[in-house]
């Protein structure tokens, strides 16, 4: 025997479909690129290097040099270990 469901005959059926739907239009849309008045990446970087970068150059250069020296020490030690290993192996 099939189960029966209790339904209200006056209830609106699901899904409600709006048959009078009309998509909105994009007025004066032509498909061409929009012209913006924003600055280009070149102008933004030029402004940065002209105004802001001069103030922190020496401190940034010192930090960068310290990072390079710190990173170079283990690389050189690793290369030295590889060279010693190659010398120890019989070829």
Protein backbone atom coordinates (compact mmCIF):
# COMPACT_ATOMS: atom_id res chain seq x y z
CA UNK A 1 0.00 0.00 0.00
CA UNK A 2 1.37 3.43 -0.95
CA UNK A 3 1.74 6.04 1.77
CA UNK A 4 -0.62 8.96 1.45
CA UNK A 5 0.47 12.51 2.09
CA UNK A 6 -1.69 15.14 3.64
CA UNK A 7 -1.84 18.09 1.29
CA UNK A 8 -3.76 21.29 1.27
CA UNK A 9 -5.58 21.62 -2.05
CA UNK A 10 -5.71 25.41 -1.77
CA UNK A 11 -1.97 25.79 -1.26
CA UNK A 12 0.20 27.33 -3.97
CA UNK A 13 2.17 24.74 -5.91
CA UNK A 14 5.96 24.71 -5.80
CA UNK A 15 7.82 26.11 -7.71
CA UNK A 16 6.11 29.34 -8.51
CA UNK A 17 7.09 30.39 -12.02
CA UNK A 18 6.92 34.01 -13.11
CA UNK A 19 5.97 33.79 -16.77
CA UNK A 20 6.16 37.57 -17.22
CA UNK A 21 9.88 37.75 -16.38
CA UNK A 22 11.97 40.03 -18.56
CA UNK A 23 15.71 40.29 -18.23
CA UNK A 24 17.07 43.70 -17.39
CA UNK A 25 19.00 45.48 -20.09
CA UNK A 26 22.32 47.22 -19.79
CA UNK A 27 21.60 50.60 -21.27
CA UNK A 28 24.19 51.93 -23.71
CA UNK A 29 26.41 48.86 -23.35
CA UNK A 30 28.58 48.50 -26.43
CA UNK A 31 31.15 45.90 -25.40
CA UNK A 32 34.08 48.28 -25.72
CA UNK A 33 36.59 48.77 -22.95
CA UNK A 34 35.62 51.31 -20.36
CA UNK A 35 37.81 54.37 -20.18
CA UNK A 36 38.90 55.01 -16.64
CA UNK A 37 40.73 57.97 -15.28
CA UNK A 38 42.83 55.89 -12.86
CA UNK A 39 46.58 55.93 -12.97
CA UNK A 40 48.53 53.25 -14.77
CA UNK A 41 50.91 50.94 -12.94
CA UNK A 42 53.84 52.88 -14.37
CA UNK A 43 52.52 56.15 -12.94
CA UNK A 44 51.88 54.59 -9.54
CA UNK A 45 55.38 53.09 -9.34
CA UNK A 46 56.94 56.34 -10.57
CA UNK A 47 55.15 58.27 -7.81
CA UNK A 48 56.31 55.72 -5.23
CA UNK A 49 59.94 55.83 -6.28
CA UNK A 50 59.92 59.62 -6.53
CA UNK A 51 58.47 60.28 -3.09
CA UNK A 52 58.56 57.35 -0.69
CA UNK A 53 61.45 55.06 -1.55
CA UNK A 54 64.22 57.59 -0.92
CA UNK A 55 63.39 57.80 2.78
CA UNK A 56 63.92 54.14 3.58
CA UNK A 57 66.54 53.12 1.03
CA UNK A 58 69.51 52.80 3.38
CA UNK A 59 67.66 50.79 6.00
CA UNK A 60 66.08 48.55 3.35
CA UNK A 61 69.47 48.01 1.71
CA UNK A 62 71.01 47.05 5.07
CA UNK A 63 68.23 44.55 5.81
CA UNK A 64 68.48 43.09 2.31
CA UNK A 65 72.27 42.71 2.59
CA UNK A 66 71.89 41.00 5.97
CA UNK A 67 69.33 38.58 4.53
CA UNK A 68 71.57 37.74 1.58
CA UNK A 69 74.56 37.13 3.83
CA UNK A 70 72.50 35.00 6.21
CA UNK A 71 71.17 32.90 3.32
CA UNK A 72 74.59 32.55 1.68
CA UNK A 73 76.27 30.95 4.71
CA UNK A 74 74.25 27.68 4.69
CA UNK A 75 74.38 27.46 0.90
CA UNK A 76 78.16 27.70 0.92
CA UNK A 77 78.37 25.19 3.77
CA UNK A 78 76.15 22.78 1.84
CA UNK A 79 78.26 23.11 -1.30
CA UNK A 80 81.39 22.47 0.74
CA UNK A 81 79.82 19.30 2.19
CA UNK A 82 78.88 18.07 -1.30
CA UNK A 83 82.44 18.66 -2.54
CA UNK A 84 83.89 16.74 0.43
CA UNK A 85 81.43 13.89 -0.20
CA UNK A 86 82.42 13.71 -3.87
CA UNK A 87 86.10 13.56 -2.90
CA UNK A 88 85.44 10.74 -0.42
CA UNK A 89 83.58 8.55 -2.94
CA UNK A 90 85.75 6.27 -5.10
CA UNK A 91 85.12 6.95 -8.81
